[in-house]
Amino acid sequence: TVGEKLTKPKKEDFSEDIHVIHIPTNMSMNTFKQICLQFGQVTKLKFLPKGRHAYVRYSSEEATEFARVKLKELQKSHFAGASEHLISVAESDSEEHEDDVAKVVF
């Protein structure tokens, strides 16, 4: 009707982070990011190399739930089940000097 206010539909902001621990000391942020990308579209990644843990956010609830299961499985095995290809990438990374926090926002 005339004079009625239109409201924009709210964009659903799915902002739940997955906290991942037990990341191997020889795993670079780039390798960890590649592992995370296997499970869905990553919108935020906060990698804390000194504490060997990270916070990962996915674009949807479905991707988050799927990634949560997969990342927790890898976490329990200290990433022993990670792809051999991705592990070999980590060994060839030239990231000798990592900062206390590396944050990637997509």
N, C-alpha and C. Protein backbone atom coordinates (compact mmCIF):
# COMPACT_ATOMS: atom_id res chain seq x y z
N THR A 1 0.83 -1.19 0.00
CA THR A 1 0.00 0.00 0.00
C THR A 1 0.87 1.24 0.00
N VAL A 2 0.26 2.39 -0.35
CA VAL A 2 0.98 3.65 -0.41
C VAL A 2 1.36 4.09 0.99
N GLY A 3 2.61 4.55 1.14
CA GLY A 3 3.07 5.05 2.44
C GLY A 3 3.61 3.96 3.36
N GLU A 4 3.49 2.71 2.94
CA GLU A 4 3.98 1.61 3.78
C GLU A 4 5.49 1.49 3.61
N LYS A 5 6.20 1.33 4.71
CA LYS A 5 7.65 1.21 4.65
C LYS A 5 8.04 -0.18 4.15
N LEU A 6 9.02 -0.19 3.28
CA LEU A 6 9.56 -1.46 2.82
C LEU A 6 10.83 -1.75 3.62
N THR A 7 10.94 -2.96 4.08
CA THR A 7 12.15 -3.33 4.81
C THR A 7 12.94 -4.30 3.95
N LYS A 8 14.22 -4.12 3.99
CA LYS A 8 15.09 -5.02 3.24
C LYS A 8 15.09 -6.38 3.93
N PRO A 9 15.04 -7.42 3.15
CA PRO A 9 15.15 -8.73 3.78
C PRO A 9 16.53 -8.84 4.43
N LYS A 10 16.54 -9.38 5.62
CA LYS A 10 17.82 -9.51 6.33
C LYS A 10 18.65 -10.62 5.72
N LYS A 11 19.89 -10.28 5.44
CA LYS A 11 20.82 -11.29 4.96
C LYS A 11 21.24 -12.11 6.17
N GLU A 12 21.06 -13.39 6.07
CA GLU A 12 21.41 -14.25 7.19
C GLU A 12 22.93 -14.28 7.30
N ASP A 13 23.43 -13.85 8.43
CA ASP A 13 24.86 -13.81 8.67
C ASP A 13 25.23 -15.00 9.53
N PHE A 14 25.78 -16.02 8.89
CA PHE A 14 26.18 -17.18 9.66
C PHE A 14 27.60 -16.95 10.14
N SER A 15 27.77 -16.74 11.42
CA SER A 15 29.08 -16.30 11.91
C SER A 15 29.62 -17.17 13.04
N GLU A 16 29.35 -18.46 12.98
CA GLU A 16 29.88 -19.35 14.00
C GLU A 16 31.25 -19.88 13.57
N ASP A 17 32.26 -19.68 14.42
CA ASP A 17 33.61 -20.15 14.11
C ASP A 17 33.81 -21.56 14.64
N ILE A 18 34.64 -22.31 13.94
CA ILE A 18 35.06 -23.63 14.40
C ILE A 18 36.45 -23.44 14.99
N HIS A 19 36.64 -23.87 16.22
CA HIS A 19 37.94 -23.78 16.87
C HIS A 19 38.66 -25.10 16.65
N VAL A 20 39.81 -25.04 15.99
CA VAL A 20 40.58 -26.24 15.67
C VAL A 20 41.88 -26.21 16.47
N ILE A 21 42.17 -27.32 17.14
CA ILE A 21 43.41 -27.41 17.94
C ILE A 21 44.25 -28.58 17.43
N HIS A 22 45.41 -28.76 18.03
CA HIS A 22 46.34 -29.85 17.69
C HIS A 22 46.84 -29.75 16.25
N ILE A 23 47.02 -28.55 15.74
CA ILE A 23 47.57 -28.38 14.40
C ILE A 23 49.07 -28.66 14.50
N PRO A 24 49.60 -29.54 13.66
CA PRO A 24 51.02 -29.89 13.74
C PRO A 24 51.93 -28.67 13.60
N THR A 25 53.03 -28.70 14.30
CA THR A 25 53.96 -27.56 14.29
C THR A 25 54.57 -27.34 12.91
N ASN A 26 54.65 -28.38 12.09
CA ASN A 26 55.25 -28.21 10.76
C ASN A 26 54.23 -27.84 9.69
N MET A 27 52.97 -27.59 10.08
CA MET A 27 51.94 -27.24 9.11
C MET A 27 51.84 -25.72 8.98
N SER A 28 51.96 -25.24 7.75
CA SER A 28 51.87 -23.80 7.50
C SER A 28 50.41 -23.37 7.43
N MET A 29 50.21 -22.07 7.49
CA MET A 29 48.87 -21.54 7.35
C MET A 29 48.29 -21.88 5.97
N ASN A 30 49.12 -21.80 4.94
CA ASN A 30 48.64 -22.09 3.59
C ASN A 30 48.14 -23.53 3.49
N THR A 31 48.86 -24.47 4.05
CA THR A 31 48.44 -25.87 4.02
C THR A 31 47.15 -26.05 4.80
N PHE A 32 47.08 -25.43 5.98
CA PHE A 32 45.87 -25.54 6.79
C PHE A 32 44.68 -24.95 6.03
N LYS A 33 44.89 -23.83 5.36
CA LYS A 33 43.83 -23.19 4.58
C LYS A 33 43.34 -24.13 3.48
N GLN A 34 44.27 -24.80 2.79
CA GLN A 34 43.89 -25.74 1.72
C GLN A 34 43.07 -26.89 2.27
N ILE A 35 43.42 -27.37 3.45
CA ILE A 35 42.64 -28.43 4.09
C ILE A 35 41.23 -27.93 4.36
N CYS A 36 41.11 -26.74 4.93
CA CYS A 36 39.79 -26.17 5.25
C CYS A 36 38.94 -25.97 4.01
N LEU A 37 39.55 -25.55 2.92
CA LEU A 37 38.81 -25.29 1.69
C LEU A 37 38.22 -26.56 1.08
N GLN A 38 38.75 -27.72 1.45
CA GLN A 38 38.19 -28.98 0.96
C GLN A 38 36.76 -29.18 1.45
N PHE A 39 36.40 -28.54 2.56
CA PHE A 39 35.12 -28.80 3.22
C PHE A 39 34.06 -27.74 2.96
N GLY A 40 34.40 -26.67 2.25
CA GLY A 40 33.41 -25.65 1.95
C GLY A 40 34.06 -24.29 1.74
N GLN A 41 33.22 -23.29 1.48
CA GLN A 41 33.70 -21.93 1.25
C GLN A 41 34.04 -21.27 2.58
N VAL A 42 35.32 -20.94 2.75
CA VAL A 42 35.80 -20.31 3.98
C VAL A 42 35.63 -18.80 3.84
N THR A 43 35.02 -18.18 4.84
CA THR A 43 34.86 -16.72 4.82
C THR A 43 35.84 -16.03 5.75
N LYS A 44 36.38 -16.76 6.72
CA LYS A 44 37.35 -16.17 7.64
C LYS A 44 38.23 -17.29 8.20
N LEU A 45 39.51 -16.99 8.30
CA LEU A 45 40.45 -17.95 8.88
C LEU A 45 41.43 -17.18 9.75
N LYS A 46 41.49 -17.56 11.00
CA LYS A 46 42.44 -16.94 11.93
C LYS A 46 43.34 -18.06 12.44
N PHE A 47 44.60 -18.03 12.02
CA PHE A 47 45.57 -19.08 12.31
C PHE A 47 46.55 -18.56 13.34
N LEU A 48 46.67 -19.26 14.46
CA LEU A 48 47.58 -18.84 15.53
C LEU A 48 48.71 -19.87 15.64
N PRO A 49 49.81 -19.64 14.92
CA PRO A 49 50.85 -20.65 14.82
C PRO A 49 51.55 -20.98 16.14
N LYS A 50 51.72 -20.00 17.01
CA LYS A 50 52.40 -20.29 18.28
C LYS A 50 51.58 -21.18 19.18
N GLY A 51 50.27 -21.02 19.14
CA GLY A 51 49.40 -21.87 19.95
C GLY A 51 48.95 -23.11 19.22
N ARG A 52 49.29 -23.19 17.90
CA ARG A 52 48.92 -24.31 17.05
C ARG A 52 47.41 -24.57 17.03
N HIS A 53 46.67 -23.48 16.90
CA HIS A 53 45.23 -23.61 16.75
C HIS A 53 44.72 -22.53 15.83
N ALA A 54 43.44 -22.67 15.44
CA ALA A 54 42.87 -21.74 14.47
C ALA A 54 41.37 -21.63 14.68
N TYR A 55 40.82 -20.55 14.12
CA TYR A 55 39.38 -20.34 14.09
C TYR A 55 38.99 -20.23 12.61
N VAL A 56 38.02 -21.02 12.20
CA VAL A 56 37.60 -21.06 10.80
C VAL A 56 36.11 -20.78 10.73
N ARG A 57 35.72 -19.94 9.79
CA ARG A 57 34.30 -19.63 9.57
C ARG A 57 33.95 -19.97 8.12
N TYR A 58 32.82 -20.63 7.96
CA TYR A 58 32.34 -21.03 6.64
C TYR A 58 31.13 -20.19 6.25
N SER A 59 30.79 -20.25 4.96
CA SER A 59 29.75 -19.37 4.42
C SER A 59 28.33 -19.80 4.76
N SER A 60 28.14 -21.03 5.19
CA SER A 60 26.78 -21.48 5.49
C SER A 60 26.78 -22.44 6.68
N GLU A 61 25.61 -22.62 7.23
CA GLU A 61 25.47 -23.54 8.36
C GLU A 61 25.79 -24.97 7.93
N GLU A 62 25.35 -25.34 6.73
CA GLU A 62 25.60 -26.70 6.23
C GLU A 62 27.10 -26.95 6.08
N ALA A 63 27.81 -25.99 5.48
CA ALA A 63 29.26 -26.13 5.31
C ALA A 63 29.95 -26.19 6.66
N THR A 64 29.48 -25.39 7.60
CA THR A 64 30.07 -25.37 8.94
C THR A 64 29.92 -26.72 9.62
N GLU A 65 28.72 -27.28 9.55
CA GLU A 65 28.49 -28.58 10.20
C GLU A 65 29.33 -29.68 9.57
N PHE A 66 29.41 -29.69 8.24
CA PHE A 66 30.22 -30.68 7.55
C PHE A 66 31.70 -30.52 7.92
N ALA A 67 32.19 -29.29 7.85
CA ALA A 67 33.59 -29.02 8.17
C ALA A 67 33.90 -29.33 9.62
N ARG A 68 32.96 -29.03 10.52
CA ARG A 68 33.18 -29.29 11.95
C ARG A 68 33.48 -30.78 12.17
N VAL A 69 32.70 -31.64 11.54
CA VAL A 69 32.90 -33.08 11.70
C VAL A 69 34.26 -33.48 11.14
N LYS A 70 34.57 -33.03 9.93
CA LYS A 70 35.82 -33.41 9.27
C LYS A 70 37.04 -32.86 9.99
N LEU A 71 36.98 -31.59 10.39
CA LEU A 71 38.13 -30.99 11.08
C LEU A 71 38.34 -31.60 12.46
N LYS A 72 37.26 -31.93 13.15
CA LYS A 72 37.40 -32.57 14.47
C LYS A 72 38.01 -33.96 14.34
N GLU A 73 37.66 -34.69 13.26
CA GLU A 73 38.29 -36.00 13.01
C GLU A 73 39.79 -35.83 12.81
N LEU A 74 40.17 -34.86 11.99
CA LEU A 74 41.59 -34.60 11.75
C LEU A 74 42.29 -34.14 13.03
N GLN A 75 41.61 -33.32 13.79
CA GLN A 75 42.16 -32.80 15.04
C GLN A 75 42.48 -33.94 16.01
N LYS A 76 41.54 -34.90 16.14
CA LYS A 76 41.73 -36.03 17.07
C LYS A 76 42.94 -36.86 16.69
N SER A 77 43.23 -36.94 15.39
CA SER A 77 44.38 -37.73 14.94
C SER A 77 45.62 -36.86 14.72
N HIS A 78 45.57 -35.62 15.21
CA HIS A 78 46.67 -34.65 15.02
C HIS A 78 46.98 -34.49 13.54
N PHE A 79 45.95 -34.51 12.72
CA PHE A 79 46.01 -34.30 11.28
C PHE A 79 46.75 -35.41 10.55
N ALA A 80 46.83 -36.60 11.16
CA ALA A 80 47.47 -37.74 10.52
C ALA A 80 46.72 -38.17 9.27
N GLY A 81 45.43 -37.91 9.18
CA GLY A 81 44.64 -38.30 8.01
C GLY A 81 44.61 -37.27 6.91
N ALA A 82 45.35 -36.19 7.05
CA ALA A 82 45.35 -35.15 6.02
C ALA A 82 45.96 -35.70 4.74
N SER A 83 45.53 -35.18 3.63
CA SER A 83 46.01 -35.61 2.33
C SER A 83 47.54 -35.55 2.25
N GLU A 84 48.14 -36.60 1.72
CA GLU A 84 49.60 -36.64 1.56
C GLU A 84 50.07 -35.49 0.67
N HIS A 85 49.27 -35.15 -0.32
CA HIS A 85 49.63 -34.03 -1.20
C HIS A 85 49.71 -32.74 -0.40
N LEU A 86 48.74 -32.52 0.47
CA LEU A 86 48.74 -31.30 1.26
C LEU A 86 49.90 -31.29 2.25
N ILE A 87 50.23 -32.42 2.82
CA ILE A 87 51.36 -32.50 3.75
C ILE A 87 52.65 -32.20 3.01
N SER A 88 52.81 -32.70 1.78
CA SER A 88 54.03 -32.42 1.04
C SER A 88 54.13 -30.94 0.68
N VAL A 89 52.99 -30.28 0.49
CA VAL A 89 52.99 -28.84 0.25
C VAL A 89 53.52 -28.12 1.49
N ALA A 90 53.13 -28.58 2.66
CA ALA A 90 53.57 -27.95 3.90
C ALA A 90 55.08 -28.05 4.05
N GLU A 91 55.63 -29.18 3.68
CA GLU A 91 57.07 -29.37 3.82
C GLU A 91 57.85 -28.49 2.85
N SER A 92 57.25 -28.17 1.71
CA SER A 92 57.95 -27.36 0.72
C SER A 92 57.65 -25.87 0.87
N ASP A 93 56.78 -25.50 1.81
CA ASP A 93 56.49 -24.08 2.03
C ASP A 93 57.74 -23.35 2.48
N SER A 94 57.87 -22.13 2.05
CA SER A 94 59.03 -21.34 2.42
C SER A 94 58.69 -20.34 3.52
N GLU A 95 57.64 -20.60 4.27
CA GLU A 95 57.23 -19.69 5.33
C GLU A 95 58.06 -19.97 6.59
N GLU A 96 59.24 -19.41 6.64
CA GLU A 96 60.12 -19.64 7.78
C GLU A 96 59.73 -18.77 8.96
N HIS A 97 59.20 -17.58 8.69
CA HIS A 97 58.90 -16.63 9.75
C HIS A 97 57.41 -16.37 9.81
N GLU A 98 56.73 -17.06 10.72
CA GLU A 98 55.30 -16.85 10.87
C GLU A 98 55.08 -15.85 12.00
N ASP A 99 54.10 -14.99 11.84
CA ASP A 99 53.74 -14.04 12.88
C ASP A 99 52.94 -14.73 13.97
N ASP A 100 52.67 -14.03 15.06
CA ASP A 100 51.87 -14.60 16.13
C ASP A 100 50.47 -14.94 15.67
N VAL A 101 49.91 -14.12 14.79
CA VAL A 101 48.55 -14.36 14.29
C VAL A 101 48.54 -14.07 12.81
N ALA A 102 48.00 -14.99 12.08
CA ALA A 102 47.81 -14.78 10.64
C ALA A 102 46.32 -14.83 10.40
N LYS A 103 45.76 -13.79 9.82
CA LYS A 103 44.32 -13.73 9.61
C LYS A 103 44.05 -13.53 8.13
N VAL A 104 43.23 -14.39 7.59
CA VAL A 104 42.86 -14.30 6.19
C VAL A 104 41.34 -14.14 6.14
N VAL A 105 40.87 -13.13 5.47
CA VAL A 105 39.44 -12.94 5.31
C VAL A 105 39.15 -13.01 3.84
N PHE A 106 38.20 -13.85 3.46
CA PHE A 106 37.86 -14.05 2.05
C PHE A 106 36.70 -13.20 1.65
